[in-house]
PDB file of N, CA and C in Angstrom:
ATOM      1  N   UNK A   1     -10.668  28.015  49.509  1.00  0.00           N
ATOM      2  CA  UNK A   1      -9.939  27.009  48.781  1.00  0.00           C
ATOM      3  C   UNK A   1     -10.345  27.044  47.313  1.00  0.00           C
ATOM      4  N   UNK A   2      -9.368  27.041  46.440  1.00  0.00           N
ATOM      5  CA  UNK A   2      -9.639  27.067  45.012  1.00  0.00           C
ATOM      6  C   UNK A   2      -9.568  25.639  44.475  1.00  0.00           C
ATOM      7  N   UNK A   3     -10.738  25.006  44.357  1.00  0.00           N
ATOM      8  CA  UNK A   3     -10.838  23.643  43.850  1.00  0.00           C
ATOM      9  C   UNK A   3     -11.626  23.683  42.549  1.00  0.00           C
ATOM     10  N   UNK A   4     -11.015  23.182  41.494  1.00  0.00           N
ATOM     11  CA  UNK A   4     -11.644  23.178  40.173  1.00  0.00           C
ATOM     12  C   UNK A   4     -11.933  21.752  39.745  1.00  0.00           C
ATOM     13  N   UNK A   5     -12.869  21.613  38.839  1.00  0.00           N
ATOM     14  CA  UNK A   5     -13.208  20.326  38.250  1.00  0.00           C
ATOM     15  C   UNK A   5     -13.000  20.422  36.749  1.00  0.00           C
ATOM     16  N   UNK A   6     -12.377  19.382  36.182  1.00  0.00           N
ATOM     17  CA  UNK A   6     -12.168  19.350  34.733  1.00  0.00           C
ATOM     18  C   UNK A   6     -12.169  17.918  34.262  1.00  0.00           C
ATOM     19  N   UNK A   7     -12.478  17.760  32.990  1.00  0.00           N
ATOM     20  CA  UNK A   7     -12.313  16.444  32.372  1.00  0.00           C
ATOM     21  C   UNK A   7     -10.835  16.253  32.070  1.00  0.00           C
ATOM     22  N   UNK A   8     -10.344  15.078  32.318  1.00  0.00           N
ATOM     23  CA  UNK A   8      -8.931  14.786  32.106  1.00  0.00           C
ATOM     24  C   UNK A   8      -8.565  14.865  30.620  1.00  0.00           C
ATOM     25  N   UNK A   9      -9.547  14.747  29.751  1.00  0.00           N
ATOM     26  CA  UNK A   9      -9.305  14.811  28.308  1.00  0.00           C
ATOM     27  C   UNK A   9      -9.105  16.237  27.808  1.00  0.00           C
ATOM     28  N   UNK A  10      -9.484  17.225  28.608  1.00  0.00           N
ATOM     29  CA  UNK A  10      -9.299  18.625  28.212  1.00  0.00           C
ATOM     30  C   UNK A  10      -7.818  18.978  28.343  1.00  0.00           C
ATOM     31  N   UNK A  11      -7.329  19.874  27.489  1.00  0.00           N
ATOM     32  CA  UNK A  11      -5.923  20.291  27.615  1.00  0.00           C
ATOM     33  C   UNK A  11      -5.680  20.960  28.974  1.00  0.00           C
ATOM     34  N   UNK A  12      -4.494  20.740  29.502  1.00  0.00           N
ATOM     35  CA  UNK A  12      -4.113  21.378  30.769  1.00  0.00           C
ATOM     36  C   UNK A  12      -4.071  22.889  30.573  1.00  0.00           C
ATOM     37  N   UNK A  13      -4.384  23.603  31.650  1.00  0.00           N
ATOM     38  CA  UNK A  13      -4.380  25.060  31.618  1.00  0.00           C
ATOM     39  C   UNK A  13      -3.345  25.575  32.616  1.00  0.00           C
ATOM     40  N   UNK A  14      -2.804  26.727  32.351  1.00  0.00           N
ATOM     41  CA  UNK A  14      -1.788  27.300  33.240  1.00  0.00           C
ATOM     42  C   UNK A  14      -2.350  27.640  34.618  1.00  0.00           C
ATOM     43  N   UNK A  15      -3.684  27.765  34.737  1.00  0.00           N
ATOM     44  CA  UNK A  15      -4.277  28.097  36.038  1.00  0.00           C
ATOM     45  C   UNK A  15      -4.833  26.867  36.763  1.00  0.00           C
ATOM     46  N   UNK A  16      -4.474  25.666  36.311  1.00  0.00           N
ATOM     47  CA  UNK A  16      -4.951  24.438  36.953  1.00  0.00           C
ATOM     48  C   UNK A  16      -4.323  24.196  38.327  1.00  0.00           C
ATOM     49  N   UNK A  17      -3.139  24.702  38.546  1.00  0.00           N
ATOM     50  CA  UNK A  17      -2.451  24.383  39.799  1.00  0.00           C
ATOM     51  C   UNK A  17      -2.066  22.915  39.803  1.00  0.00           C
ATOM     52  N   UNK A  18      -2.298  22.247  40.921  1.00  0.00           N
ATOM     53  CA  UNK A  18      -1.997  20.820  41.042  1.00  0.00           C
ATOM     54  C   UNK A  18      -3.124  20.022  40.402  1.00  0.00           C
ATOM     55  N   UNK A  19      -2.765  19.128  39.494  1.00  0.00           N
ATOM     56  CA  UNK A  19      -3.746  18.331  38.742  1.00  0.00           C
ATOM     57  C   UNK A  19      -3.746  16.905  39.285  1.00  0.00           C
ATOM     58  N   UNK A  20      -4.925  16.473  39.775  1.00  0.00           N
ATOM     59  CA  UNK A  20      -5.041  15.144  40.381  1.00  0.00           C
ATOM     60  C   UNK A  20      -6.206  14.390  39.758  1.00  0.00           C
ATOM     61  N   UNK A  21      -5.908  13.213  39.212  1.00  0.00           N
ATOM     62  CA  UNK A  21      -6.939  12.321  38.686  1.00  0.00           C
ATOM     63  C   UNK A  21      -7.591  11.601  39.861  1.00  0.00           C
ATOM     64  N   UNK A  22      -8.932  11.639  39.939  1.00  0.00           N
ATOM     65  CA  UNK A  22      -9.644  11.018  41.067  1.00  0.00           C
ATOM     66  C   UNK A  22     -10.506   9.836  40.613  1.00  0.00           C
ATOM     67  N   UNK A  23     -10.158   9.239  39.491  1.00  0.00           N
ATOM     68  CA  UNK A  23     -10.826   8.035  38.994  1.00  0.00           C
ATOM     69  C   UNK A  23     -10.028   6.805  39.413  1.00  0.00           C
ATOM     70  N   UNK A  24     -10.716   5.695  39.624  1.00  0.00           N
ATOM     71  CA  UNK A  24     -10.042   4.449  39.965  1.00  0.00           C
ATOM     72  C   UNK A  24      -9.424   3.795  38.727  1.00  0.00           C
ATOM     73  N   UNK A  25     -10.075   3.987  37.578  1.00  0.00           N
ATOM     74  CA  UNK A  25      -9.653   3.364  36.333  1.00  0.00           C
ATOM     75  C   UNK A  25      -8.987   4.425  35.456  1.00  0.00           C
ATOM     76  N   UNK A  26      -7.867   4.046  34.814  1.00  0.00           N
ATOM     77  CA  UNK A  26      -7.179   4.992  33.929  1.00  0.00           C
ATOM     78  C   UNK A  26      -8.097   5.340  32.748  1.00  0.00           C
ATOM     79  N   UNK A  27      -8.160   6.617  32.364  1.00  0.00           N
ATOM     80  CA  UNK A  27      -9.025   7.053  31.259  1.00  0.00           C
ATOM     81  C   UNK A  27      -8.653   6.387  29.929  1.00  0.00           C
ATOM     82  N   UNK A  28      -9.647   5.884  29.280  1.00  0.00           N
ATOM     83  CA  UNK A  28      -9.483   5.163  28.016  1.00  0.00           C
ATOM     84  C   UNK A  28      -8.869   6.067  26.955  1.00  0.00           C
ATOM     85  N   UNK A  29      -7.846   5.543  26.281  1.00  0.00           N
ATOM     86  CA  UNK A  29      -7.255   6.235  25.138  1.00  0.00           C
ATOM     87  C   UNK A  29      -6.384   7.428  25.465  1.00  0.00           C
ATOM     88  N   UNK A  30      -6.022   7.616  26.728  1.00  0.00           N
ATOM     89  CA  UNK A  30      -5.233   8.777  27.133  1.00  0.00           C
ATOM     90  C   UNK A  30      -3.845   8.323  27.591  1.00  0.00           C
ATOM     91  N   UNK A  31      -2.826   8.926  27.024  1.00  0.00           N
ATOM     92  CA  UNK A  31      -1.462   8.590  27.452  1.00  0.00           C
ATOM     93  C   UNK A  31      -1.130   9.352  28.733  1.00  0.00           C
ATOM     94  N   UNK A  32      -0.211   8.830  29.480  1.00  0.00           N
ATOM     95  CA  UNK A  32       0.193   9.500  30.726  1.00  0.00           C
ATOM     96  C   UNK A  32       0.822  10.864  30.436  1.00  0.00           C
ATOM     97  N   UNK A  33       1.519  10.987  29.332  1.00  0.00           N
ATOM     98  CA  UNK A  33       2.111  12.280  28.965  1.00  0.00           C
ATOM     99  C   UNK A  33       1.042  13.329  28.682  1.00  0.00           C
ATOM    100  N   UNK A  34       0.006  12.944  27.939  1.00  0.00           N
ATOM    101  CA  UNK A  34      -1.058  13.901  27.593  1.00  0.00           C
ATOM    102  C   UNK A  34      -1.891  14.292  28.812  1.00  0.00           C
ATOM    103  N   UNK A  35      -1.995  13.408  29.792  1.00  0.00           N
ATOM    104  CA  UNK A  35      -2.809  13.696  30.977  1.00  0.00           C
ATOM    105  C   UNK A  35      -2.212  14.821  31.817  1.00  0.00           C
ATOM    106  N   UNK A  36      -0.908  14.942  31.806  1.00  0.00           N
ATOM    107  CA  UNK A  36      -0.203  15.978  32.574  1.00  0.00           C
ATOM    108  C   UNK A  36      -0.671  16.029  34.029  1.00  0.00           C
ATOM    109  N   UNK A  37      -0.604  14.879  34.685  1.00  0.00           N
ATOM    110  CA  UNK A  37      -1.021  14.765  36.084  1.00  0.00           C
ATOM    111  C   UNK A  37       0.121  15.066  37.029  1.00  0.00           C
ATOM    112  N   UNK A  38      -0.246  15.571  38.198  1.00  0.00           N
ATOM    113  CA  UNK A  38       0.708  15.650  39.298  1.00  0.00           C
ATOM    114  C   UNK A  38       0.571  14.418  40.186  1.00  0.00           C
ATOM    115  N   UNK A  39      -0.675  13.923  40.305  1.00  0.00           N
ATOM    116  CA  UNK A  39      -0.932  12.728  41.113  1.00  0.00           C
ATOM    117  C   UNK A  39      -2.139  11.986  40.549  1.00  0.00           C
ATOM    118  N   UNK A  40      -2.200  10.704  40.880  1.00  0.00           N
ATOM    119  CA  UNK A  40      -3.363   9.878  40.574  1.00  0.00           C
ATOM    120  C   UNK A  40      -3.845   9.327  41.900  1.00  0.00           C
ATOM    121  N   UNK A  41      -4.968   9.831  42.390  1.00  0.00           N
ATOM    122  CA  UNK A  41      -5.498   9.469  43.713  1.00  0.00           C
ATOM    123  C   UNK A  41      -6.546   8.365  43.577  1.00  0.00           C
ATOM    124  N   UNK A  42      -6.099   7.169  43.194  1.00  0.00           N
ATOM    125  CA  UNK A  42      -7.011   6.025  43.027  1.00  0.00           C
ATOM    126  C   UNK A  42      -7.746   5.690  44.310  1.00  0.00           C
ATOM    127  N   UNK A  43      -7.050   5.848  45.453  1.00  0.00           N
ATOM    128  CA  UNK A  43      -7.623   5.429  46.737  1.00  0.00           C
ATOM    129  C   UNK A  43      -8.812   6.258  47.189  1.00  0.00           C
ATOM    130  N   UNK A  44      -8.989   7.438  46.615  1.00  0.00           N
ATOM    131  CA  UNK A  44     -10.124   8.279  47.010  1.00  0.00           C
ATOM    132  C   UNK A  44     -11.352   8.006  46.139  1.00  0.00           C
ATOM    133  N   UNK A  45     -11.164   7.250  45.080  1.00  0.00           N
ATOM    134  CA  UNK A  45     -12.262   6.972  44.143  1.00  0.00           C
ATOM    135  C   UNK A  45     -13.291   6.027  44.758  1.00  0.00           C
ATOM    136  N   UNK A  46     -14.516   6.068  44.253  1.00  0.00           N
ATOM    137  CA  UNK A  46     -15.541   5.130  44.740  1.00  0.00           C
ATOM    138  C   UNK A  46     -15.149   3.688  44.414  1.00  0.00           C
ATOM    139  N   UNK A  47     -15.675   2.773  45.186  1.00  0.00           N
ATOM    140  CA  UNK A  47     -15.423   1.357  44.928  1.00  0.00           C
ATOM    141  C   UNK A  47     -15.966   0.979  43.549  1.00  0.00           C
ATOM    142  N   UNK A  48     -15.431  -0.085  43.010  1.00  0.00           N
ATOM    143  CA  UNK A  48     -15.909  -0.580  41.719  1.00  0.00           C
ATOM    144  C   UNK A  48     -17.394  -0.909  41.797  1.00  0.00           C
ATOM    145  N   UNK A  49     -17.821  -1.502  42.914  1.00  0.00           N
ATOM    146  CA  UNK A  49     -19.228  -1.858  43.075  1.00  0.00           C
ATOM    147  C   UNK A  49     -20.119  -0.619  43.047  1.00  0.00           C
ATOM    148  N   UNK A  50     -19.716   0.426  43.764  1.00  0.00           N
ATOM    149  CA  UNK A  50     -20.517   1.653  43.803  1.00  0.00           C
ATOM    150  C   UNK A  50     -20.524   2.322  42.430  1.00  0.00           C
ATOM    151  N   UNK A  51     -19.376   2.365  41.795  1.00  0.00           N
ATOM    152  CA  UNK A  51     -19.279   2.989  40.470  1.00  0.00           C
ATOM    153  C   UNK A  51     -20.189   2.275  39.469  1.00  0.00           C
ATOM    154  N   UNK A  52     -20.181   0.944  39.491  1.00  0.00           N
ATOM    155  CA  UNK A  52     -21.028   0.188  38.562  1.00  0.00           C
ATOM    156  C   UNK A  52     -22.507   0.355  38.902  1.00  0.00           C
ATOM    157  N   UNK A  53     -22.841   0.377  40.196  1.00  0.00           N
ATOM    158  CA  UNK A  53     -24.238   0.571  40.601  1.00  0.00           C
ATOM    159  C   UNK A  53     -24.745   1.925  40.110  1.00  0.00           C
ATOM    160  N   UNK A  54     -23.936   2.962  40.294  1.00  0.00           N
ATOM    161  CA  UNK A  54     -24.341   4.311  39.923  1.00  0.00           C
ATOM    162  C   UNK A  54     -24.500   4.437  38.405  1.00  0.00           C
ATOM    163  N   UNK A  55     -23.516   3.994  37.648  1.00  0.00           N
ATOM    164  CA  UNK A  55     -23.606   4.041  36.198  1.00  0.00           C
ATOM    165  C   UNK A  55     -23.860   5.427  35.636  1.00  0.00           C
ATOM    166  N   UNK A  56     -23.537   6.466  36.380  1.00  0.00           N
ATOM    167  CA  UNK A  56     -23.733   7.866  35.980  1.00  0.00           C
ATOM    168  C   UNK A  56     -25.185   8.178  35.648  1.00  0.00           C
ATOM    169  N   UNK A  57     -26.091   7.524  36.389  1.00  0.00           N
ATOM    170  CA  UNK A  57     -27.531   7.790  36.270  1.00  0.00           C
ATOM    171  C   UNK A  57     -27.844   8.961  37.200  1.00  0.00           C
ATOM    172  N   UNK A  58     -28.122  10.122  36.619  1.00  0.00           N
ATOM    173  CA  UNK A  58     -28.336  11.349  37.386  1.00  0.00           C
ATOM    174  C   UNK A  58     -29.423  11.174  38.451  1.00  0.00           C
ATOM    175  N   UNK A  59     -30.420  10.349  38.179  1.00  0.00           N
ATOM    176  CA  UNK A  59     -31.487  10.115  39.151  1.00  0.00           C
ATOM    177  C   UNK A  59     -30.974   9.422  40.411  1.00  0.00           C
ATOM    178  N   UNK A  60     -29.839   8.769  40.329  1.00  0.00           N
ATOM    179  CA  UNK A  60     -29.248   8.070  41.478  1.00  0.00           C
ATOM    180  C   UNK A  60     -28.183   8.912  42.194  1.00  0.00           C
ATOM    181  N   UNK A  61     -27.951  10.146  41.724  1.00  0.00           N
ATOM    182  CA  UNK A  61     -26.835  10.926  42.255  1.00  0.00           C
ATOM    183  C   UNK A  61     -26.935  11.177  43.755  1.00  0.00           C
ATOM    184  N   UNK A  62     -28.118  11.484  44.263  1.00  0.00           N
ATOM    185  CA  UNK A  62     -28.281  11.709  45.704  1.00  0.00           C
ATOM    186  C   UNK A  62     -27.891  10.486  46.507  1.00  0.00           C
ATOM    187  N   UNK A  63     -28.381   9.330  46.102  1.00  0.00           N
ATOM    188  CA  UNK A  63     -28.039   8.077  46.780  1.00  0.00           C
ATOM    189  C   UNK A  63     -26.563   7.745  46.589  1.00  0.00           C
ATOM    190  N   UNK A  64     -26.035   8.009  45.396  1.00  0.00           N
ATOM    191  CA  UNK A  64     -24.611   7.802  45.141  1.00  0.00           C
ATOM    192  C   UNK A  64     -23.781   8.633  46.114  1.00  0.00           C
ATOM    193  N   UNK A  65     -24.152   9.901  46.274  1.00  0.00           N
ATOM    194  CA  UNK A  65     -23.422  10.794  47.177  1.00  0.00           C
ATOM    195  C   UNK A  65     -23.434  10.251  48.603  1.00  0.00           C
ATOM    196  N   UNK A  66     -24.588   9.799  49.077  1.00  0.00           N
ATOM    197  CA  UNK A  66     -24.684   9.231  50.424  1.00  0.00           C
ATOM    198  C   UNK A  66     -23.798   8.004  50.579  1.00  0.00           C
ATOM    199  N   UNK A  67     -23.849   7.116  49.598  1.00  0.00           N
ATOM    200  CA  UNK A  67     -23.041   5.887  49.664  1.00  0.00           C
ATOM    201  C   UNK A  67     -21.551   6.209  49.558  1.00  0.00           C
ATOM    202  N   UNK A  68     -21.228   7.155  48.713  1.00  0.00           N
ATOM    203  CA  UNK A  68     -19.818   7.546  48.548  1.00  0.00           C
ATOM    204  C   UNK A  68     -19.300   8.224  49.812  1.00  0.00           C
ATOM    205  N   UNK A  69     -20.109   9.077  50.411  1.00  0.00           N
ATOM    206  CA  UNK A  69     -19.722   9.692  51.684  1.00  0.00           C
ATOM    207  C   UNK A  69     -19.404   8.620  52.724  1.00  0.00           C
ATOM    208  N   UNK A  70     -20.197   7.558  52.765  1.00  0.00           N
ATOM    209  CA  UNK A  70     -19.940   6.457  53.696  1.00  0.00           C
ATOM    210  C   UNK A  70     -18.613   5.781  53.363  1.00  0.00           C
ATOM    211  N   UNK A  71     -18.342   5.584  52.083  1.00  0.00           N
ATOM    212  CA  UNK A  71     -17.065   4.975  51.686  1.00  0.00           C
ATOM    213  C   UNK A  71     -15.881   5.862  52.047  1.00  0.00           C
ATOM    214  N   UNK A  72     -16.067   7.160  51.999  1.00  0.00           N
ATOM    215  CA  UNK A  72     -14.970   8.080  52.309  1.00  0.00           C
ATOM    216  C   UNK A  72     -14.562   8.034  53.778  1.00  0.00           C
ATOM    217  N   UNK A  73     -15.354   7.368  54.616  1.00  0.00           N
ATOM    218  CA  UNK A  73     -14.979   7.198  56.024  1.00  0.00           C
ATOM    219  C   UNK A  73     -14.033   6.017  56.215  1.00  0.00           C
ATOM    220  N   UNK A  74     -13.875   5.180  55.192  1.00  0.00           N
ATOM    221  CA  UNK A  74     -12.910   4.088  55.228  1.00  0.00           C
ATOM    222  C   UNK A  74     -11.512   4.700  55.430  1.00  0.00           C
ATOM    223  N   UNK A  75     -10.678   4.107  56.288  1.00  0.00           N
ATOM    224  CA  UNK A  75      -9.372   4.721  56.593  1.00  0.00           C
ATOM    225  C   UNK A  75      -8.506   5.037  55.372  1.00  0.00           C
ATOM    226  N   UNK A  76      -8.436   4.145  54.397  1.00  0.00           N
ATOM    227  CA  UNK A  76      -7.606   4.420  53.217  1.00  0.00           C
ATOM    228  C   UNK A  76      -8.162   5.573  52.394  1.00  0.00           C
ATOM    229  N   UNK A  77      -9.476   5.587  52.212  1.00  0.00           N
ATOM    230  CA  UNK A  77     -10.088   6.683  51.449  1.00  0.00           C
ATOM    231  C   UNK A  77     -10.006   7.988  52.234  1.00  0.00           C
ATOM    232  N   UNK A  78     -10.187   7.920  53.550  1.00  0.00           N
ATOM    233  CA  UNK A  78     -10.097   9.129  54.378  1.00  0.00           C
ATOM    234  C   UNK A  78      -8.689   9.726  54.293  1.00  0.00           C
ATOM    235  N   UNK A  79      -7.675   8.865  54.288  1.00  0.00           N
ATOM    236  CA  UNK A  79      -6.294   9.346  54.168  1.00  0.00           C
ATOM    237  C   UNK A  79      -6.071   9.995  52.801  1.00  0.00           C
ATOM    238  N   UNK A  80      -6.633   9.407  51.760  1.00  0.00           N
ATOM    239  CA  UNK A  80      -6.506   9.981  50.420  1.00  0.00           C
ATOM    240  C   UNK A  80      -7.230  11.330  50.336  1.00  0.00           C
ATOM    241  N   UNK A  81      -8.380  11.445  50.991  1.00  0.00           N
ATOM    242  CA  UNK A  81      -9.104  12.712  51.024  1.00  0.00           C
ATOM    243  C   UNK A  81      -8.298  13.756  51.805  1.00  0.00           C
ATOM    244  N   UNK A  82      -7.667  13.344  52.886  1.00  0.00           N
ATOM    245  CA  UNK A  82      -6.800  14.260  53.639  1.00  0.00           C
ATOM    246  C   UNK A  82      -5.647  14.767  52.765  1.00  0.00           C
ATOM    247  N   UNK A  83      -5.107  13.887  51.928  1.00  0.00           N
ATOM    248  CA  UNK A  83      -4.040  14.290  51.005  1.00  0.00           C
ATOM    249  C   UNK A  83      -4.550  15.368  50.048  1.00  0.00           C
ATOM    250  N   UNK A  84      -5.772  15.206  49.550  1.00  0.00           N
ATOM    251  CA  UNK A  84      -6.348  16.237  48.678  1.00  0.00           C
ATOM    252  C   UNK A  84      -6.522  17.549  49.434  1.00  0.00           C
ATOM    253  N   UNK A  85      -6.904  17.462  50.693  1.00  0.00           N
ATOM    254  CA  UNK A  85      -7.032  18.686  51.517  1.00  0.00           C
ATOM    255  C   UNK A  85      -5.684  19.399  51.627  1.00  0.00           C
ATOM    256  N   UNK A  86      -4.623  18.623  51.833  1.00  0.00           N
ATOM    257  CA  UNK A  86      -3.272  19.208  51.920  1.00  0.00           C
ATOM    258  C   UNK A  86      -2.913  19.918  50.620  1.00  0.00           C
ATOM    259  N   UNK A  87      -3.182  19.256  49.503  1.00  0.00           N
ATOM    260  CA  UNK A  87      -2.873  19.860  48.210  1.00  0.00           C
ATOM    261  C   UNK A  87      -3.681  21.134  47.984  1.00  0.00           C
ATOM    262  N   UNK A  88      -4.953  21.114  48.343  1.00  0.00           N
ATOM    263  CA  UNK A  88      -5.818  22.283  48.164  1.00  0.00           C
ATOM    264  C   UNK A  88      -5.373  23.441  49.059  1.00  0.00           C
ATOM    265  N   UNK A  89      -4.889  23.118  50.248  1.00  0.00           N
ATOM    266  CA  UNK A  89      -4.417  24.161  51.161  1.00  0.00           C
ATOM    267  C   UNK A  89      -3.166  24.849  50.610  1.00  0.00           C
ATOM    268  N   UNK A  90      -2.451  24.158  49.733  1.00  0.00           N
ATOM    269  CA  UNK A  90      -1.221  24.710  49.176  1.00  0.00           C
ATOM    270  C   UNK A  90      -1.417  25.545  47.926  1.00  0.00           C
ATOM    271  N   UNK A  91      -2.632  25.636  47.432  1.00  0.00           N
ATOM    272  CA  UNK A  91      -2.890  26.418  46.225  1.00  0.00           C
ATOM    273  C   UNK A  91      -4.001  25.785  45.411  1.00  0.00           C
ATOM    274  N   UNK A  92      -4.153  26.250  44.190  1.00  0.00           N
ATOM    275  CA  UNK A  92      -5.209  25.740  43.326  1.00  0.00           C
ATOM    276  C   UNK A  92      -5.066  24.234  43.122  1.00  0.00           C
ATOM    277  N   UNK A  93      -6.187  23.543  43.241  1.00  0.00           N
ATOM    278  CA  UNK A  93      -6.243  22.099  43.021  1.00  0.00           C
ATOM    279  C   UNK A  93      -7.302  21.828  41.957  1.00  0.00           C
ATOM    280  N   UNK A  94      -6.926  21.095  40.937  1.00  0.00           N
ATOM    281  CA  UNK A  94      -7.873  20.705  39.893  1.00  0.00           C
ATOM    282  C   UNK A  94      -8.082  19.205  39.972  1.00  0.00           C
ATOM    283  N   UNK A  95      -9.329  18.816  40.241  1.00  0.00           N
ATOM    284  CA  UNK A  95      -9.701  17.407  40.280  1.00  0.00           C
ATOM    285  C   UNK A  95     -10.098  16.996  38.875  1.00  0.00           C
ATOM    286  N   UNK A  96      -9.493  15.935  38.397  1.00  0.00           N
ATOM    287  CA  UNK A  96      -9.710  15.467  37.035  1.00  0.00           C
ATOM    288  C   UNK A  96     -10.467  14.154  37.027  1.00  0.00           C
ATOM    289  N   UNK A  97     -11.371  14.029  36.064  1.00  0.00           N
ATOM    290  CA  UNK A  97     -12.133  12.801  35.887  1.00  0.00           C
ATOM    291  C   UNK A  97     -12.413  12.610  34.403  1.00  0.00           C
ATOM    292  N   UNK A  98     -12.604  11.360  34.024  1.00  0.00           N
ATOM    293  CA  UNK A  98     -12.965  11.061  32.638  1.00  0.00           C
ATOM    294  C   UNK A  98     -14.466  11.222  32.404  1.00  0.00           C
ATOM    295  N   UNK A  99     -15.223  11.331  33.474  1.00  0.00           N
ATOM    296  CA  UNK A  99     -16.675  11.417  33.401  1.00  0.00           C
ATOM    297  C   UNK A  99     -17.131  12.606  32.555  1.00  0.00           C
ATOM    298  N   UNK A 100     -18.124  12.391  31.719  1.00  0.00           N
ATOM    299  CA  UNK A 100     -18.639  13.476  30.873  1.00  0.00           C
ATOM    300  C   UNK A 100     -19.447  14.487  31.676  1.00  0.00           C
ATOM    301  N   UNK A 101     -20.220  14.022  32.646  1.00  0.00           N
ATOM    302  CA  UNK A 101     -21.062  14.899  33.463  1.00  0.00           C
ATOM    303  C   UNK A 101     -20.355  15.168  34.796  1.00  0.00           C
ATOM    304  N   UNK A 102     -19.493  16.142  34.780  1.00  0.00           N
ATOM    305  CA  UNK A 102     -18.664  16.427  35.957  1.00  0.00           C
ATOM    306  C   UNK A 102     -19.499  16.809  37.172  1.00  0.00           C
ATOM    307  N   UNK A 103     -20.610  17.505  36.952  1.00  0.00           N
ATOM    308  CA  UNK A 103     -21.432  17.967  38.072  1.00  0.00           C
ATOM    309  C   UNK A 103     -22.106  16.822  38.824  1.00  0.00           C
ATOM    310  N   UNK A 104     -22.162  15.649  38.219  1.00  0.00           N
ATOM    311  CA  UNK A 104     -22.769  14.478  38.855  1.00  0.00           C
ATOM    312  C   UNK A 104     -21.749  13.341  38.942  1.00  0.00           C
ATOM    313  N   UNK A 105     -20.570  13.690  39.421  1.00  0.00           N
ATOM    314  CA  UNK A 105     -19.470  12.727  39.489  1.00  0.00           C
ATOM    315  C   UNK A 105     -18.866  12.697  40.884  1.00  0.00           C
ATOM    316  N   UNK A 106     -17.986  11.718  41.098  1.00  0.00           N
ATOM    317  CA  UNK A 106     -17.280  11.657  42.370  1.00  0.00           C
ATOM    318  C   UNK A 106     -16.395  12.888  42.556  1.00  0.00           C
ATOM    319  N   UNK A 107     -15.906  13.469  41.467  1.00  0.00           N
ATOM    320  CA  UNK A 107     -15.093  14.677  41.570  1.00  0.00           C
ATOM    321  C   UNK A 107     -15.899  15.823  42.181  1.00  0.00           C
ATOM    322  N   UNK A 108     -17.173  15.925  41.813  1.00  0.00           N
ATOM    323  CA  UNK A 108     -18.031  16.968  42.382  1.00  0.00           C
ATOM    324  C   UNK A 108     -18.258  16.731  43.869  1.00  0.00           C
ATOM    325  N   UNK A 109     -18.443  15.477  44.259  1.00  0.00           N
ATOM    326  CA  UNK A 109     -18.628  15.154  45.677  1.00  0.00           C
ATOM    327  C   UNK A 109     -17.349  15.508  46.456  1.00  0.00           C
ATOM    328  N   UNK A 110     -16.202  15.143  45.904  1.00  0.00           N
ATOM    329  CA  UNK A 110     -14.938  15.460  46.563  1.00  0.00           C
ATOM    330  C   UNK A 110     -14.723  16.966  46.673  1.00  0.00           C
ATOM    331  N   UNK A 111     -15.030  17.695  45.607  1.00  0.00           N
ATOM    332  CA  UNK A 111     -14.886  19.154  45.637  1.00  0.00           C
ATOM    333  C   UNK A 111     -15.752  19.752  46.732  1.00  0.00           C
ATOM    334  N   UNK A 112     -16.949  19.217  46.909  1.00  0.00           N
ATOM    335  CA  UNK A 112     -17.816  19.692  47.986  1.00  0.00           C
ATOM    336  C   UNK A 112     -17.181  19.489  49.346  1.00  0.00           C
ATOM    337  N   UNK A 113     -16.583  18.340  49.559  1.00  0.00           N
ATOM    338  CA  UNK A 113     -15.898  18.069  50.832  1.00  0.00           C
ATOM    339  C   UNK A 113     -14.729  19.037  51.034  1.00  0.00           C
ATOM    340  N   UNK A 114     -13.956  19.245  49.995  1.00  0.00           N
ATOM    341  CA  UNK A 114     -12.783  20.116  50.107  1.00  0.00           C
ATOM    342  C   UNK A 114     -13.173  21.564  50.342  1.00  0.00           C
ATOM    343  N   UNK A 115     -14.193  22.011  49.655  1.00  0.00           N
ATOM    344  CA  UNK A 115     -14.630  23.412  49.798  1.00  0.00           C
ATOM    345  C   UNK A 115     -15.274  23.652  51.158  1.00  0.00           C
ATOM    346  N   UNK A 116     -15.826  22.615  51.776  1.00  0.00           N
ATOM    347  CA  UNK A 116     -16.453  22.753  53.086  1.00  0.00           C
ATOM    348  C   UNK A 116     -15.450  22.652  54.228  1.00  0.00           C
ATOM    349  N   UNK A 117     -14.223  22.266  53.916  1.00  0.00           N
ATOM    350  CA  UNK A 117     -13.198  22.106  54.961  1.00  0.00           C
ATOM    351  C   UNK A 117     -12.899  23.446  55.608  1.00  0.00           C
ATOM    352  N   UNK A 118     -12.688  23.438  56.914  1.00  0.00           N
ATOM    353  CA  UNK A 118     -12.390  24.706  57.602  1.00  0.00           C
ATOM    354  C   UNK A 118     -11.064  25.309  57.208  1.00  0.00           C
TER     355      UNK A 118
END
């Protein structure tokens, strides 16, 4: 599966395939036209409580991943994750986030789930 991670603020690339925003909150200062999204998967994003607790503190990333994995078992989030699996099975999927540290973001956790799918 070809799953890529990018910041939503970066210009779209011809090799992005399907572009999906995986943040719950719309990126500050970005117009919908400039984002060039195919979908906005709000339902797969971490809860507001988890996002605020994490605060992008790299030292909390392991615990964040565990808590987020638990949230992904919620039926609505699980369905949204299944939708991402469908999109990834159809070709290149680029997960977009406003987060500066993509490697320690919910997008990275989601990419791990998608890449591990059979």
